[in-house]
């Protein structure tokens, strides 16, 4: 019985990863989520209320060797379902703009994927238009508009950065 339960657990885990978006470029760099920031100086701030209320947790970002193509992963809970979100985008490194090219959301625990629809729509809305980003010293913060930006980052602020810090090289030719 223990082996059967272990087997089901492993199958569930691997089937969840099989639903990730196929990242067209060979992944080369891994960056872990490091919190939320304000401005080009990447000054640390609190989690935006919208992310807290929707239980959104950003996990990591991977990029190709050129840093032109990136994929990030987030998770959230919706309607009793643990959902995973993948977003793939293209970075314009000359203008520091990140543009979404594809996204997907799916249930990790085998529930109906329709349970993940509202969270996906919200996350997609953050990247519906190209977003600016700040990059330096192996760190990137994607600037997204959230309702409490001014409260988190000071009067007049309209965006908060989703901060990722380079952690490792993931594949070597």
N, C-alpha and C. Protein backbone atom coordinates (compact mmCIF):
# COMPACT_ATOMS: atom_id res chain seq x y z
N UNK A 1 0.81 -1.19 0.00
CA UNK A 1 0.00 0.00 0.00
C UNK A 1 0.87 1.26 0.00
N UNK A 2 1.95 1.23 0.80
CA UNK A 2 2.84 2.39 0.85
C UNK A 2 3.46 2.65 -0.51
N UNK A 3 3.86 1.58 -1.21
CA UNK A 3 4.45 1.75 -2.54
C UNK A 3 3.43 2.31 -3.52
N UNK A 4 2.18 1.88 -3.40
CA UNK A 4 1.12 2.38 -4.27
C UNK A 4 0.92 3.88 -4.07
N UNK A 5 0.86 4.32 -2.81
CA UNK A 5 0.68 5.73 -2.50
C UNK A 5 1.88 6.54 -2.99
N UNK A 6 3.08 6.03 -2.76
CA UNK A 6 4.29 6.70 -3.24
C UNK A 6 4.26 6.82 -4.76
N UNK A 7 3.84 5.76 -5.43
CA UNK A 7 3.75 5.78 -6.90
C UNK A 7 2.77 6.82 -7.38
N UNK A 8 1.60 6.90 -6.75
CA UNK A 8 0.61 7.91 -7.13
C UNK A 8 1.15 9.32 -6.91
N UNK A 9 1.87 9.52 -5.82
CA UNK A 9 2.45 10.82 -5.53
C UNK A 9 3.44 11.22 -6.61
N UNK A 10 4.30 10.29 -7.00
CA UNK A 10 5.29 10.58 -8.04
C UNK A 10 4.63 10.86 -9.38
N UNK A 11 3.63 10.09 -9.74
CA UNK A 11 2.93 10.31 -11.01
C UNK A 11 2.27 11.68 -11.00
N UNK A 12 1.65 12.05 -9.90
CA UNK A 12 1.01 13.36 -9.80
C UNK A 12 2.02 14.48 -9.94
N UNK A 13 3.16 14.33 -9.28
CA UNK A 13 4.19 15.36 -9.35
C UNK A 13 4.71 15.52 -10.77
N UNK A 14 5.00 14.40 -11.43
CA UNK A 14 5.54 14.48 -12.79
C UNK A 14 4.50 14.96 -13.78
N UNK A 15 3.24 14.62 -13.60
CA UNK A 15 2.22 15.08 -14.53
C UNK A 15 2.01 16.58 -14.40
N UNK A 16 2.20 17.13 -13.22
CA UNK A 16 2.08 18.58 -13.04
C UNK A 16 3.19 19.29 -13.81
N UNK A 17 4.43 18.78 -13.72
CA UNK A 17 5.53 19.41 -14.43
C UNK A 17 5.38 19.26 -15.93
N UNK A 18 4.73 18.21 -16.39
CA UNK A 18 4.55 17.99 -17.81
C UNK A 18 3.66 19.05 -18.42
N UNK A 19 2.87 19.77 -17.62
CA UNK A 19 1.97 20.78 -18.13
C UNK A 19 2.63 22.15 -18.25
N UNK A 20 3.88 22.30 -17.81
CA UNK A 20 4.57 23.57 -17.95
C UNK A 20 4.66 23.95 -19.42
N UNK A 21 4.73 25.24 -19.69
CA UNK A 21 4.90 25.73 -21.07
C UNK A 21 6.24 25.25 -21.59
N UNK A 22 6.25 24.84 -22.84
CA UNK A 22 7.50 24.48 -23.50
C UNK A 22 8.26 25.77 -23.79
N UNK A 23 9.39 25.93 -23.17
CA UNK A 23 10.23 27.12 -23.34
C UNK A 23 11.08 26.89 -24.57
N UNK A 24 10.86 27.67 -25.63
CA UNK A 24 11.49 27.46 -26.92
C UNK A 24 13.01 27.48 -26.89
N UNK A 25 13.60 28.37 -26.14
CA UNK A 25 15.05 28.46 -26.07
C UNK A 25 15.58 27.51 -25.00
N UNK A 26 16.82 27.10 -25.16
CA UNK A 26 17.43 26.24 -24.13
C UNK A 26 17.65 27.09 -22.88
N UNK A 27 17.11 26.64 -21.77
CA UNK A 27 17.25 27.39 -20.51
C UNK A 27 18.70 27.38 -20.07
N UNK A 28 19.19 28.56 -19.66
CA UNK A 28 20.59 28.67 -19.27
C UNK A 28 20.78 29.28 -17.89
N UNK A 29 19.91 30.18 -17.49
CA UNK A 29 20.09 30.85 -16.21
C UNK A 29 18.83 30.67 -15.36
N UNK A 30 19.03 30.50 -14.08
CA UNK A 30 17.94 30.37 -13.13
C UNK A 30 18.01 31.53 -12.16
N UNK A 31 16.90 32.21 -11.97
CA UNK A 31 16.82 33.30 -10.99
C UNK A 31 15.68 32.99 -10.04
N UNK A 32 15.95 33.07 -8.76
CA UNK A 32 14.95 32.83 -7.73
C UNK A 32 14.22 34.13 -7.41
N UNK A 33 12.94 33.99 -7.08
CA UNK A 33 12.19 35.18 -6.67
C UNK A 33 12.76 35.68 -5.36
N UNK A 34 12.98 36.99 -5.29
CA UNK A 34 13.59 37.57 -4.10
C UNK A 34 12.75 38.62 -3.42
N UNK A 35 11.46 38.67 -3.74
CA UNK A 35 10.59 39.63 -3.09
C UNK A 35 10.08 40.69 -4.05
N UNK A 36 9.76 41.85 -3.49
CA UNK A 36 9.18 42.94 -4.27
C UNK A 36 9.98 44.20 -4.01
N UNK A 37 10.09 45.03 -5.05
CA UNK A 37 10.96 46.19 -4.96
C UNK A 37 10.29 47.45 -5.50
N UNK A 38 10.94 48.56 -5.18
CA UNK A 38 10.50 49.87 -5.66
C UNK A 38 11.63 50.51 -6.46
N UNK A 39 11.30 51.01 -7.64
CA UNK A 39 12.23 51.80 -8.44
C UNK A 39 13.46 51.09 -8.94
N UNK A 40 14.29 51.85 -9.64
CA UNK A 40 15.49 51.33 -10.27
C UNK A 40 16.53 50.84 -9.25
N UNK A 41 16.47 51.38 -8.04
CA UNK A 41 17.41 50.96 -6.99
C UNK A 41 17.01 49.62 -6.38
N UNK A 42 15.85 49.08 -6.79
CA UNK A 42 15.34 47.81 -6.26
C UNK A 42 15.28 47.81 -4.73
N UNK A 43 14.75 48.88 -4.18
CA UNK A 43 14.56 48.99 -2.74
C UNK A 43 13.46 48.01 -2.32
N UNK A 44 13.77 47.16 -1.37
CA UNK A 44 12.81 46.14 -0.93
C UNK A 44 11.54 46.78 -0.36
N UNK A 45 10.42 46.12 -0.63
CA UNK A 45 9.14 46.57 -0.09
C UNK A 45 8.30 45.35 0.28
N UNK A 46 7.11 45.58 0.78
CA UNK A 46 6.20 44.51 1.19
C UNK A 46 5.50 43.89 -0.02
N UNK A 47 4.85 42.77 0.21
CA UNK A 47 4.06 42.10 -0.82
C UNK A 47 2.84 42.97 -1.13
N UNK A 48 2.58 43.27 -2.41
CA UNK A 48 1.37 44.03 -2.74
C UNK A 48 0.10 43.31 -2.24
N UNK A 49 -0.87 44.09 -1.80
CA UNK A 49 -2.10 43.52 -1.23
C UNK A 49 -2.81 42.60 -2.21
N UNK A 50 -2.83 42.95 -3.50
CA UNK A 50 -3.49 42.11 -4.49
C UNK A 50 -2.87 40.70 -4.53
N UNK A 51 -1.56 40.62 -4.40
CA UNK A 51 -0.88 39.32 -4.42
C UNK A 51 -1.19 38.54 -3.14
N UNK A 52 -1.23 39.24 -2.01
CA UNK A 52 -1.60 38.58 -0.74
C UNK A 52 -3.02 38.04 -0.82
N UNK A 53 -3.93 38.88 -1.26
CA UNK A 53 -5.35 38.51 -1.31
C UNK A 53 -5.61 37.34 -2.25
N UNK A 54 -4.83 37.22 -3.29
CA UNK A 54 -5.01 36.14 -4.26
C UNK A 54 -4.05 34.98 -4.00
N UNK A 55 -3.28 35.07 -2.91
CA UNK A 55 -2.32 34.03 -2.51
C UNK A 55 -1.34 33.70 -3.64
N UNK A 56 -0.87 34.73 -4.34
CA UNK A 56 0.09 34.54 -5.44
C UNK A 56 1.50 34.53 -4.88
N UNK A 57 2.24 33.49 -5.26
CA UNK A 57 3.65 33.37 -4.86
C UNK A 57 4.47 33.14 -6.12
N UNK A 58 5.40 34.05 -6.40
CA UNK A 58 6.30 33.89 -7.54
C UNK A 58 7.42 32.96 -7.10
N UNK A 59 7.86 32.07 -8.00
CA UNK A 59 8.85 31.07 -7.64
C UNK A 59 10.21 31.35 -8.25
N UNK A 60 10.29 31.31 -9.58
CA UNK A 60 11.58 31.47 -10.24
C UNK A 60 11.38 31.94 -11.67
N UNK A 61 12.50 32.35 -12.27
CA UNK A 61 12.54 32.72 -13.68
C UNK A 61 13.72 31.99 -14.31
N UNK A 62 13.55 31.54 -15.54
CA UNK A 62 14.66 30.99 -16.30
C UNK A 62 14.79 31.80 -17.58
N UNK A 63 16.02 31.91 -18.08
CA UNK A 63 16.26 32.64 -19.32
C UNK A 63 17.22 31.84 -20.19
N UNK A 64 17.27 32.25 -21.46
CA UNK A 64 18.28 31.66 -22.33
C UNK A 64 19.60 32.40 -22.11
N UNK A 65 20.65 31.96 -22.82
CA UNK A 65 21.99 32.51 -22.64
C UNK A 65 22.04 34.01 -22.95
N UNK A 66 21.27 34.45 -23.94
CA UNK A 66 21.29 35.86 -24.35
C UNK A 66 20.49 36.76 -23.41
N UNK A 67 19.70 36.16 -22.55
CA UNK A 67 18.78 36.86 -21.66
C UNK A 67 17.62 37.51 -22.42
N UNK A 68 17.45 37.14 -23.69
CA UNK A 68 16.36 37.69 -24.50
C UNK A 68 15.04 36.98 -24.27
N UNK A 69 15.07 35.72 -23.91
CA UNK A 69 13.86 34.93 -23.71
C UNK A 69 13.79 34.50 -22.26
N UNK A 70 12.62 34.67 -21.66
CA UNK A 70 12.48 34.31 -20.26
C UNK A 70 11.15 33.65 -19.97
N UNK A 71 11.15 32.84 -18.94
CA UNK A 71 9.93 32.20 -18.46
C UNK A 71 9.91 32.33 -16.95
N UNK A 72 8.78 32.76 -16.40
CA UNK A 72 8.69 32.74 -14.95
C UNK A 72 7.49 31.94 -14.51
N UNK A 73 7.58 31.47 -13.27
CA UNK A 73 6.60 30.56 -12.70
C UNK A 73 6.08 31.15 -11.39
N UNK A 74 4.77 31.08 -11.23
CA UNK A 74 4.12 31.52 -10.00
C UNK A 74 3.10 30.46 -9.62
N UNK A 75 2.66 30.48 -8.38
CA UNK A 75 1.59 29.58 -7.95
C UNK A 75 0.59 30.39 -7.14
N UNK A 76 -0.62 29.87 -7.06
CA UNK A 76 -1.68 30.52 -6.31
C UNK A 76 -2.76 29.50 -6.00
N UNK A 77 -3.61 29.85 -5.06
CA UNK A 77 -4.75 29.00 -4.69
C UNK A 77 -6.03 29.68 -5.14
N UNK A 78 -6.89 28.91 -5.75
CA UNK A 78 -8.17 29.44 -6.21
C UNK A 78 -9.21 28.33 -6.12
N UNK A 79 -10.34 28.62 -5.51
CA UNK A 79 -11.44 27.66 -5.40
C UNK A 79 -10.97 26.31 -4.86
N UNK A 80 -10.09 26.34 -3.86
CA UNK A 80 -9.59 25.11 -3.25
C UNK A 80 -8.57 24.36 -4.09
N UNK A 81 -8.10 24.99 -5.16
CA UNK A 81 -7.18 24.34 -6.09
C UNK A 81 -5.82 25.03 -6.05
N UNK A 82 -4.76 24.25 -5.98
CA UNK A 82 -3.42 24.82 -6.10
C UNK A 82 -3.11 24.91 -7.59
N UNK A 83 -2.83 26.12 -8.05
CA UNK A 83 -2.61 26.37 -9.47
C UNK A 83 -1.18 26.82 -9.71
N UNK A 84 -0.66 26.47 -10.86
CA UNK A 84 0.66 26.93 -11.29
C UNK A 84 0.48 27.76 -12.54
N UNK A 85 1.22 28.86 -12.63
CA UNK A 85 1.16 29.79 -13.75
C UNK A 85 2.54 29.89 -14.38
N UNK A 86 2.60 29.78 -15.70
CA UNK A 86 3.84 29.95 -16.46
C UNK A 86 3.64 31.10 -17.42
N UNK A 87 4.61 31.98 -17.52
CA UNK A 87 4.57 33.04 -18.50
C UNK A 87 5.89 33.04 -19.25
N UNK A 88 5.82 33.08 -20.57
CA UNK A 88 7.01 33.16 -21.41
C UNK A 88 6.99 34.51 -22.09
N UNK A 89 8.14 35.16 -22.16
CA UNK A 89 8.19 36.47 -22.78
C UNK A 89 9.53 36.75 -23.41
N UNK A 90 9.57 37.87 -24.10
CA UNK A 90 10.75 38.32 -24.81
C UNK A 90 11.21 39.63 -24.20
N UNK A 91 12.48 39.72 -23.88
CA UNK A 91 13.04 40.95 -23.32
C UNK A 91 13.74 41.75 -24.41
N UNK A 92 13.40 43.02 -24.49
CA UNK A 92 14.09 43.97 -25.36
C UNK A 92 15.15 44.62 -24.47
N UNK A 93 16.37 44.10 -24.54
CA UNK A 93 17.41 44.54 -23.62
C UNK A 93 17.91 45.95 -23.92
N UNK A 94 17.66 46.48 -25.11
CA UNK A 94 18.06 47.85 -25.43
C UNK A 94 17.12 48.85 -24.76
N UNK A 95 15.84 48.50 -24.67
CA UNK A 95 14.84 49.41 -24.10
C UNK A 95 14.31 48.98 -22.74
N UNK A 96 14.79 47.85 -22.23
CA UNK A 96 14.37 47.32 -20.93
C UNK A 96 12.86 47.14 -20.84
N UNK A 97 12.32 46.43 -21.84
CA UNK A 97 10.89 46.14 -21.92
C UNK A 97 10.70 44.63 -22.07
N UNK A 98 9.79 44.06 -21.30
CA UNK A 98 9.48 42.63 -21.34
C UNK A 98 8.07 42.46 -21.89
N UNK A 99 7.93 41.62 -22.94
CA UNK A 99 6.65 41.42 -23.59
C UNK A 99 6.24 39.96 -23.48
N UNK A 100 5.04 39.73 -22.96
CA UNK A 100 4.50 38.37 -22.85
C UNK A 100 4.25 37.80 -24.24
N UNK A 101 4.69 36.55 -24.45
CA UNK A 101 4.39 35.87 -25.71
C UNK A 101 3.47 34.67 -25.51
N UNK A 102 3.41 34.13 -24.30
CA UNK A 102 2.54 32.99 -24.03
C UNK A 102 2.37 32.84 -22.52
N UNK A 103 1.29 32.22 -22.11
CA UNK A 103 1.09 31.92 -20.69
C UNK A 103 0.18 30.71 -20.57
N UNK A 104 0.25 30.07 -19.43
CA UNK A 104 -0.60 28.91 -19.16
C UNK A 104 -0.79 28.79 -17.65
N UNK A 105 -1.91 28.24 -17.26
CA UNK A 105 -2.17 27.93 -15.86
C UNK A 105 -2.79 26.55 -15.80
N UNK A 106 -2.48 25.82 -14.76
CA UNK A 106 -3.03 24.47 -14.62
C UNK A 106 -3.09 24.11 -13.15
N UNK A 107 -3.87 23.11 -12.87
CA UNK A 107 -4.05 22.61 -11.51
C UNK A 107 -2.90 21.67 -11.18
N UNK A 108 -2.32 21.86 -10.01
CA UNK A 108 -1.24 20.97 -9.57
C UNK A 108 -1.81 19.71 -8.92
N UNK A 109 -2.95 19.85 -8.25
CA UNK A 109 -3.49 18.73 -7.48
C UNK A 109 -4.56 17.93 -8.23
N UNK A 110 -4.63 18.10 -9.56
CA UNK A 110 -5.55 17.29 -10.35
C UNK A 110 -6.97 17.80 -10.41
N UNK A 111 -7.25 18.93 -9.79
CA UNK A 111 -8.59 19.52 -9.88
C UNK A 111 -8.83 20.07 -11.28
N UNK A 112 -10.06 20.45 -11.53
CA UNK A 112 -10.43 21.02 -12.83
C UNK A 112 -9.63 22.29 -13.08
N UNK A 113 -9.00 22.39 -14.26
CA UNK A 113 -8.20 23.55 -14.62
C UNK A 113 -9.04 24.82 -14.66
N UNK A 114 -10.36 24.69 -14.84
CA UNK A 114 -11.25 25.86 -14.84
C UNK A 114 -11.17 26.59 -13.50
N UNK A 115 -10.80 25.89 -12.44
CA UNK A 115 -10.65 26.51 -11.13
C UNK A 115 -9.50 27.52 -11.10
N UNK A 116 -8.62 27.48 -12.09
CA UNK A 116 -7.45 28.36 -12.14
C UNK A 116 -7.66 29.57 -13.05
N UNK A 117 -8.82 29.70 -13.65
CA UNK A 117 -9.05 30.70 -14.69
C UNK A 117 -8.96 32.14 -14.20
N UNK A 118 -9.52 32.45 -13.04
CA UNK A 118 -9.51 33.84 -12.56
C UNK A 118 -8.09 34.30 -12.24
N UNK A 119 -7.32 33.45 -11.59
CA UNK A 119 -5.93 33.80 -11.27
C UNK A 119 -5.10 34.01 -12.52
N UNK A 120 -5.30 33.14 -13.51
CA UNK A 120 -4.58 33.29 -14.78
C UNK A 120 -4.95 34.61 -15.44
N UNK A 121 -6.24 34.92 -15.47
CA UNK A 121 -6.69 36.17 -16.08
C UNK A 121 -6.06 37.38 -15.38
N UNK A 122 -6.00 37.32 -14.04
CA UNK A 122 -5.39 38.42 -13.29
C UNK A 122 -3.91 38.55 -13.63
N UNK A 123 -3.17 37.44 -13.57
CA UNK A 123 -1.74 37.50 -13.88
C UNK A 123 -1.49 37.93 -15.32
N UNK A 124 -2.30 37.42 -16.24
CA UNK A 124 -2.18 37.85 -17.64
C UNK A 124 -2.40 39.35 -17.76
N UNK A 125 -3.33 39.89 -16.97
CA UNK A 125 -3.63 41.33 -17.06
C UNK A 125 -2.42 42.18 -16.65
N UNK A 126 -1.61 41.66 -15.74
CA UNK A 126 -0.41 42.40 -15.33
C UNK A 126 0.58 42.56 -16.49
N UNK A 127 0.54 41.61 -17.42
CA UNK A 127 1.48 41.59 -18.53
C UNK A 127 0.78 41.74 -19.88
N UNK A 128 -0.46 42.25 -19.88
CA UNK A 128 -1.22 42.40 -21.12
C UNK A 128 -0.50 43.36 -22.07
N UNK A 129 0.12 44.37 -21.53
CA UNK A 129 0.95 45.29 -22.31
C UNK A 129 2.40 45.04 -21.91
N UNK A 130 3.34 45.36 -22.78
CA UNK A 130 4.74 45.21 -22.38
C UNK A 130 5.03 45.98 -21.08
N UNK A 131 5.87 45.40 -20.23
CA UNK A 131 6.23 46.04 -18.96
C UNK A 131 7.71 46.39 -18.96
N UNK A 132 8.04 47.45 -18.27
CA UNK A 132 9.44 47.83 -18.11
C UNK A 132 10.08 46.93 -17.07
N UNK A 133 11.38 46.83 -17.15
CA UNK A 133 12.11 46.11 -16.11
C UNK A 133 13.42 46.80 -15.84
N UNK A 134 13.94 46.56 -14.65
CA UNK A 134 15.26 47.03 -14.27
C UNK A 134 16.15 45.81 -14.18
N UNK A 135 17.36 45.92 -14.71
CA UNK A 135 18.29 44.80 -14.69
C UNK A 135 19.66 45.31 -14.28
N UNK A 136 20.32 44.54 -13.44
CA UNK A 136 21.68 44.88 -13.05
C UNK A 136 22.21 43.88 -12.04
N UNK A 137 23.48 43.57 -12.14
CA UNK A 137 24.16 42.66 -11.20
C UNK A 137 23.42 41.35 -11.02
N UNK A 138 22.95 40.78 -12.13
CA UNK A 138 22.30 39.48 -12.07
C UNK A 138 20.92 39.50 -11.45
N UNK A 139 20.30 40.65 -11.40
CA UNK A 139 18.95 40.76 -10.83
C UNK A 139 18.04 41.50 -11.80
N UNK A 140 16.78 41.11 -11.79
CA UNK A 140 15.80 41.73 -12.67
C UNK A 140 14.53 41.97 -11.88
N UNK A 141 13.92 43.15 -12.06
CA UNK A 141 12.62 43.39 -11.44
C UNK A 141 11.65 43.84 -12.53
N UNK A 142 10.63 43.02 -12.72
CA UNK A 142 9.57 43.32 -13.68
C UNK A 142 8.60 44.29 -13.02
N UNK A 143 8.38 45.44 -13.63
CA UNK A 143 7.56 46.50 -13.05
C UNK A 143 6.10 46.31 -13.43
N UNK A 144 5.25 46.06 -12.43
CA UNK A 144 3.82 45.85 -12.68
C UNK A 144 3.00 46.86 -11.88
N UNK A 145 1.88 47.26 -12.48
CA UNK A 145 0.99 48.22 -11.83
C UNK A 145 0.10 47.48 -10.84
N UNK A 146 0.13 47.89 -9.59
CA UNK A 146 -0.76 47.34 -8.57
C UNK A 146 -1.39 48.51 -7.81
N UNK A 147 -2.56 48.29 -7.25
CA UNK A 147 -3.35 49.35 -6.62
C UNK A 147 -2.61 50.06 -5.48
N UNK A 148 -1.80 49.32 -4.72
CA UNK A 148 -1.15 49.94 -3.55
C UNK A 148 0.31 50.32 -3.81
N UNK A 149 0.66 50.58 -5.06
CA UNK A 149 2.04 50.99 -5.39
C UNK A 149 2.49 52.20 -4.60
N UNK A 150 1.63 53.23 -4.53
CA UNK A 150 2.01 54.46 -3.82
C UNK A 150 2.21 54.19 -2.33
N UNK A 151 1.37 53.35 -1.74
CA UNK A 151 1.52 53.03 -0.32
C UNK A 151 2.81 52.25 -0.06
N UNK A 152 3.20 51.41 -1.02
CA UNK A 152 4.39 50.58 -0.86
C UNK A 152 5.68 51.32 -1.23
N UNK A 153 5.60 52.17 -2.26
CA UNK A 153 6.82 52.75 -2.82
C UNK A 153 6.90 54.27 -2.73
N UNK A 154 5.90 54.89 -2.18
CA UNK A 154 5.94 56.33 -2.02
C UNK A 154 4.99 57.05 -2.97
N UNK A 155 4.68 58.28 -2.59
CA UNK A 155 3.73 59.09 -3.34
C UNK A 155 4.13 59.16 -4.82
N UNK A 156 3.15 58.97 -5.67
CA UNK A 156 3.38 59.04 -7.11
C UNK A 156 3.80 57.73 -7.75
N UNK A 157 4.16 56.73 -6.95
CA UNK A 157 4.57 55.44 -7.51
C UNK A 157 3.36 54.74 -8.12
N UNK A 158 3.56 54.14 -9.27
CA UNK A 158 2.47 53.44 -9.96
C UNK A 158 2.77 51.97 -10.17
N UNK A 159 4.03 51.57 -9.91
CA UNK A 159 4.45 50.19 -10.17
C UNK A 159 5.26 49.64 -9.01
N UNK A 160 5.23 48.33 -8.88
CA UNK A 160 6.07 47.59 -7.93
C UNK A 160 6.84 46.56 -8.75
N UNK A 161 8.07 46.30 -8.37
CA UNK A 161 8.89 45.32 -9.09
C UNK A 161 8.75 43.92 -8.51
N UNK A 162 8.56 42.94 -9.41
CA UNK A 162 8.64 41.53 -9.02
C UNK A 162 10.10 41.17 -9.23
N UNK A 163 10.81 40.92 -8.15
CA UNK A 163 12.28 40.85 -8.15
C UNK A 163 12.78 39.41 -8.23
N UNK A 164 13.69 39.18 -9.18
CA UNK A 164 14.34 37.87 -9.35
C UNK A 164 15.84 38.07 -9.31
N UNK A 165 16.53 37.20 -8.60
CA UNK A 165 18.00 37.28 -8.46
C UNK A 165 18.63 36.01 -9.02
N UNK A 166 19.63 36.19 -9.90
CA UNK A 166 20.31 35.06 -10.53
C UNK A 166 20.84 34.09 -9.47
N UNK A 167 20.57 32.80 -9.69
CA UNK A 167 20.99 31.79 -8.73
C UNK A 167 21.99 30.81 -9.31
N UNK A 168 21.82 30.41 -10.59
CA UNK A 168 22.68 29.36 -11.14
C UNK A 168 22.56 29.29 -12.66
N UNK A 169 23.56 28.67 -13.26
CA UNK A 169 23.50 28.31 -14.67
C UNK A 169 22.83 26.94 -14.70
N UNK A 170 21.78 26.77 -15.54
CA UNK A 170 20.99 25.54 -15.48
C UNK A 170 21.40 24.47 -16.47
N UNK A 171 21.91 24.87 -17.65
CA UNK A 171 22.34 23.89 -18.64
C UNK A 171 23.62 24.38 -19.28
N UNK A 172 24.54 23.50 -19.50
CA UNK A 172 25.81 23.86 -20.13
C UNK A 172 25.95 23.02 -21.39
N UNK A 173 26.31 23.68 -22.49
CA UNK A 173 26.50 22.94 -23.75
C UNK A 173 27.70 22.01 -23.68
